[in-house]
C-alpha atoms as a PDB file:
ATOM      1  CA  MET A   1      16.862  -1.666 -14.887  1.00  0.00           C
ATOM      2  CA  SER A   2      13.239  -0.549 -14.648  1.00  0.00           C
ATOM      3  CA  ILE A   3      11.938  -2.982 -17.252  1.00  0.00           C
ATOM      4  CA  ASP A   4      10.630  -6.118 -15.581  1.00  0.00           C
ATOM      5  CA  SER A   5      12.166  -9.092 -17.392  1.00  0.00           C
ATOM      6  CA  VAL A   6       9.328 -11.333 -16.246  1.00  0.00           C
ATOM      7  CA  ALA A   7       6.594  -9.042 -17.556  1.00  0.00           C
ATOM      8  CA  TYR A   8       8.630  -8.185 -20.652  1.00  0.00           C
ATOM      9  CA  PRO A   9      10.605 -11.308 -21.593  1.00  0.00           C
ATOM     10  CA  VAL A  10      13.490 -10.736 -23.964  1.00  0.00           C
ATOM     11  CA  THR A  11      13.844 -13.062 -26.907  1.00  0.00           C
ATOM     12  CA  VAL A  12      17.222 -13.702 -28.464  1.00  0.00           C
ATOM     13  CA  LEU A  13      17.177 -14.443 -32.160  1.00  0.00           C
ATOM     14  CA  PRO A  14      20.433 -16.188 -33.079  1.00  0.00           C
ATOM     15  CA  TRP A  15      19.919 -16.260 -36.864  1.00  0.00           C
ATOM     16  CA  VAL A  16      17.901 -13.210 -37.706  1.00  0.00           C
ATOM     17  CA  ARG A  17      16.690 -12.035 -41.045  1.00  0.00           C
ATOM     18  CA  CYS A  18      14.919  -8.962 -39.849  1.00  0.00           C
ATOM     19  CA  ARG A  19      12.316  -7.191 -41.925  1.00  0.00           C
ATOM     20  CA  PRO A  20      11.726  -3.885 -40.169  1.00  0.00           C
ATOM     21  CA  ASP A  21       8.308  -2.350 -40.079  1.00  0.00           C
ATOM     22  CA  ARG A  22       7.984  -0.058 -43.104  1.00  0.00           C
ATOM     23  CA  ARG A  23       6.947   2.904 -40.956  1.00  0.00           C
ATOM     24  CA  THR A  24       9.998   2.717 -38.673  1.00  0.00           C
ATOM     25  CA  ARG A  25      12.540   1.492 -41.240  1.00  0.00           C
ATOM     26  CA  ALA A  26      14.688   4.645 -41.270  1.00  0.00           C
ATOM     27  CA  HIS A  27      14.933   4.734 -37.472  1.00  0.00           C
ATOM     28  CA  HIS A  28      15.562   0.967 -37.379  1.00  0.00           C
ATOM     29  CA  ASP A  29      18.498   1.419 -39.747  1.00  0.00           C
ATOM     30  CA  ARG A  30      19.873   4.286 -37.642  1.00  0.00           C
ATOM     31  CA  LEU A  31      19.674   2.112 -34.527  1.00  0.00           C
ATOM     32  CA  LEU A  32      21.761  -0.495 -36.332  1.00  0.00           C
ATOM     33  CA  ARG A  33      24.576   2.073 -36.559  1.00  0.00           C
ATOM     34  CA  VAL A  34      24.950   2.684 -32.792  1.00  0.00           C
ATOM     35  CA  GLU A  35      27.891   0.315 -32.576  1.00  0.00           C
ATOM     36  CA  ASP A  36      29.913   2.271 -35.147  1.00  0.00           C
ATOM     37  CA  ASP A  37      28.659   5.848 -34.976  1.00  0.00           C
ATOM     38  CA  PRO A  38      28.944   7.872 -31.752  1.00  0.00           C
ATOM     39  CA  ASP A  39      26.474  10.417 -33.152  1.00  0.00           C
ATOM     40  CA  GLU A  40      23.821   7.690 -33.328  1.00  0.00           C
ATOM     41  CA  VAL A  41      24.510   6.804 -29.687  1.00  0.00           C
ATOM     42  CA  ILE A  42      23.944  10.448 -28.761  1.00  0.00           C
ATOM     43  CA  GLU A  43      20.736  10.524 -30.826  1.00  0.00           C
ATOM     44  CA  LEU A  44      19.485   7.383 -29.055  1.00  0.00           C
ATOM     45  CA  LEU A  45      20.244   8.854 -25.633  1.00  0.00           C
ATOM     46  CA  GLU A  46      18.618  12.183 -26.546  1.00  0.00           C
ATOM     47  CA  LEU A  47      15.511  10.307 -27.680  1.00  0.00           C
ATOM     48  CA  ALA A  48      15.518   8.348 -24.426  1.00  0.00           C
ATOM     49  CA  VAL A  49      15.869  11.448 -22.268  1.00  0.00           C
ATOM     50  CA  THR A  50      13.071  13.310 -24.048  1.00  0.00           C
ATOM     51  CA  TRP A  51      10.708  10.339 -24.513  1.00  0.00           C
ATOM     52  CA  GLY A  52       8.569  11.172 -21.475  1.00  0.00           C
ATOM     53  CA  GLU A  53       8.596  14.917 -22.198  1.00  0.00           C
ATOM     54  CA  LEU A  54       7.784  15.104 -25.910  1.00  0.00           C
ATOM     55  CA  ASP A  55       5.018  13.539 -27.966  1.00  0.00           C
ATOM     56  CA  TYR A  56       6.519  10.977 -30.327  1.00  0.00           C
ATOM     57  CA  SER A  57       3.171   9.372 -31.189  1.00  0.00           C
ATOM     58  CA  GLU A  58       3.305  10.720 -34.742  1.00  0.00           C
ATOM     59  CA  SER A  59       7.019   9.983 -35.194  1.00  0.00           C
ATOM     60  CA  ASP A  60       8.250   7.007 -37.154  1.00  0.00           C
ATOM     61  CA  VAL A  61      10.592   5.672 -34.476  1.00  0.00           C
ATOM     62  CA  VAL A  62      11.112   2.305 -32.844  1.00  0.00           C
ATOM     63  CA  PRO A  63       9.719   2.934 -29.344  1.00  0.00           C
ATOM     64  CA  PRO A  64      11.828   2.322 -26.232  1.00  0.00           C
ATOM     65  CA  GLU A  65       9.624  -0.630 -25.229  1.00  0.00           C
ATOM     66  CA  ALA A  66      11.190  -2.485 -28.161  1.00  0.00           C
ATOM     67  CA  TRP A  67      14.836  -1.404 -27.793  1.00  0.00           C
ATOM     68  CA  ILE A  68      16.044  -4.339 -25.707  1.00  0.00           C
ATOM     69  CA  ASP A  69      14.431  -6.865 -28.053  1.00  0.00           C
ATOM     70  CA  PHE A  70      15.906  -4.902 -30.956  1.00  0.00           C
ATOM     71  CA  ALA A  71      19.392  -5.195 -29.481  1.00  0.00           C
ATOM     72  CA  ALA A  72      18.934  -8.878 -28.697  1.00  0.00           C
ATOM     73  CA  GLY A  73      17.534  -9.574 -32.143  1.00  0.00           C
ATOM     74  CA  HIS A  74      20.428  -8.306 -34.245  1.00  0.00           C
ATOM     75  CA  ARG A  75      24.047  -9.278 -34.734  1.00  0.00           C
ATOM     76  CA  TRP A  76      26.730  -7.078 -33.221  1.00  0.00           C
ATOM     77  CA  ARG A  77      30.495  -7.285 -32.858  1.00  0.00           C
ATOM     78  CA  ASP A  78      30.092  -6.689 -29.102  1.00  0.00           C
ATOM     79  CA  PRO A  79      26.541  -7.796 -28.253  1.00  0.00           C
ATOM     80  CA  GLU A  80      26.960  -7.305 -24.503  1.00  0.00           C
ATOM     81  CA  ARG A  81      27.982  -3.661 -24.909  1.00  0.00           C
ATOM     82  CA  VAL A  82      25.138  -2.941 -27.344  1.00  0.00           C
ATOM     83  CA  LEU A  83      22.625  -4.643 -25.065  1.00  0.00           C
ATOM     84  CA  ARG A  84      23.877  -2.514 -22.169  1.00  0.00           C
ATOM     85  CA  LEU A  85      23.486   0.626 -24.274  1.00  0.00           C
ATOM     86  CA  PHE A  86      19.919  -0.181 -25.317  1.00  0.00           C
ATOM     87  CA  SER A  87      19.052  -1.315 -21.774  1.00  0.00           C
ATOM     88  CA  VAL A  88      20.255   1.976 -20.292  1.00  0.00           C
ATOM     89  CA  ALA A  89      18.456   3.982 -22.986  1.00  0.00           C
ATOM     90  CA  ALA A  90      15.213   2.033 -22.450  1.00  0.00           C
ATOM     91  CA  ASP A  91      15.527   2.424 -18.687  1.00  0.00           C
ATOM     92  CA  VAL A  92      15.913   6.194 -19.034  1.00  0.00           C
ATOM     93  CA  ALA A  93      13.028   6.499 -21.501  1.00  0.00           C
ATOM     94  CA  LEU A  94      10.621   4.283 -19.583  1.00  0.00           C
ATOM     95  CA  ARG A  95      11.476   5.328 -16.052  1.00  0.00           C
ATOM     96  CA  GLY A  96       8.180   5.607 -14.229  1.00  0.00           C
ATOM     97  CA  LEU A  97       6.102   4.239 -17.113  1.00  0.00           C
ATOM     98  CA  HIS A  98       4.161   1.034 -16.556  1.00  0.00           C
ATOM     99  CA  LEU A  99       3.249  -0.763 -19.769  1.00  0.00           C
ATOM    100  CA  ALA A 100       1.088  -3.818 -20.141  1.00  0.00           C
ATOM    101  CA  PRO A 101       3.024  -6.714 -21.758  1.00  0.00           C
ATOM    102  CA  ASP A 102       0.608  -6.908 -24.693  1.00  0.00           C
ATOM    103  CA  HIS A 103       1.376  -3.278 -25.584  1.00  0.00           C
ATOM    104  CA  VAL A 104       5.086  -3.819 -26.215  1.00  0.00           C
ATOM    105  CA  PRO A 105       5.598  -3.553 -29.981  1.00  0.00           C
ATOM    106  CA  ALA A 106       7.930  -5.856 -31.850  1.00  0.00           C
ATOM    107  CA  PRO A 107      10.996  -4.065 -33.252  1.00  0.00           C
ATOM    108  CA  CYS A 108      10.751  -6.029 -36.501  1.00  0.00           C
ATOM    109  CA  THR A 109       8.012  -7.906 -38.265  1.00  0.00           C
ATOM    110  CA  GLY A 110       8.267 -11.142 -40.195  1.00  0.00           C
ATOM    111  CA  VAL A 111      11.395 -12.384 -38.476  1.00  0.00           C
ATOM    112  CA  ASP A 112      12.558 -15.784 -39.698  1.00  0.00           C
ATOM    113  CA  ALA A 113      14.476 -17.202 -36.773  1.00  0.00           C
ATOM    114  CA  VAL A 114      14.685 -19.866 -34.150  1.00  0.00           C
ATOM    115  CA  TRP A 115      13.411 -18.273 -30.949  1.00  0.00           C
ATOM    116  CA  ARG A 116      15.026 -18.932 -27.603  1.00  0.00           C
ATOM    117  CA  ASP A 117      13.596 -17.273 -24.495  1.00  0.00           C
ATOM    118  CA  LEU A 118      16.007 -15.957 -21.913  1.00  0.00           C
ATOM    119  CA  ALA A 119      15.318 -14.114 -18.722  1.00  0.00           C
ATOM    120  CA  GLY A 120      16.686 -10.596 -18.409  1.00  0.00           C
ATOM    121  CA  SER A 121      19.108 -11.832 -15.776  1.00  0.00           C
ATOM    122  CA  ASP A 122      20.520 -14.306 -18.334  1.00  0.00           C
ATOM    123  CA  LEU A 123      21.127 -11.472 -20.777  1.00  0.00           C
ATOM    124  CA  LEU A 124      22.805  -9.322 -18.174  1.00  0.00           C
ATOM    125  CA  ALA A 125      24.951 -12.302 -17.207  1.00  0.00           C
ATOM    126  CA  GLY A 126      26.246 -12.448 -20.780  1.00  0.00           C
ATOM    127  CA  GLU A 127      24.273 -15.463 -21.950  1.00  0.00           C
ATOM    128  CA  LEU A 128      23.781 -14.087 -25.482  1.00  0.00           C
END
């Protein structure tokens, strides 16, 4: 994985009431469907593959810097599989990019939850 879990710590939100950013709400809701809709998985992977090639600055999408936190911050039937999917997609999209930690946007705003920090290695070890 090309995302440094020390520079970009992942936060797991066990009881999330997510309020997505108004601008990215439609894309947020589409990302929530990746577990049930293979077409949404393909869309996510296509976005990841083209992220470095196309200009998405004017698009209302959740950026790949936030995908792992997005996956960790929502409930899934198979959280490990979904986290793997978003991790692979983020790795593809961000390959070669170096982002400062303070420039990683939050996937949701106004989250009411108890926060518990885990290292990326904990997440990959199935400690969700």
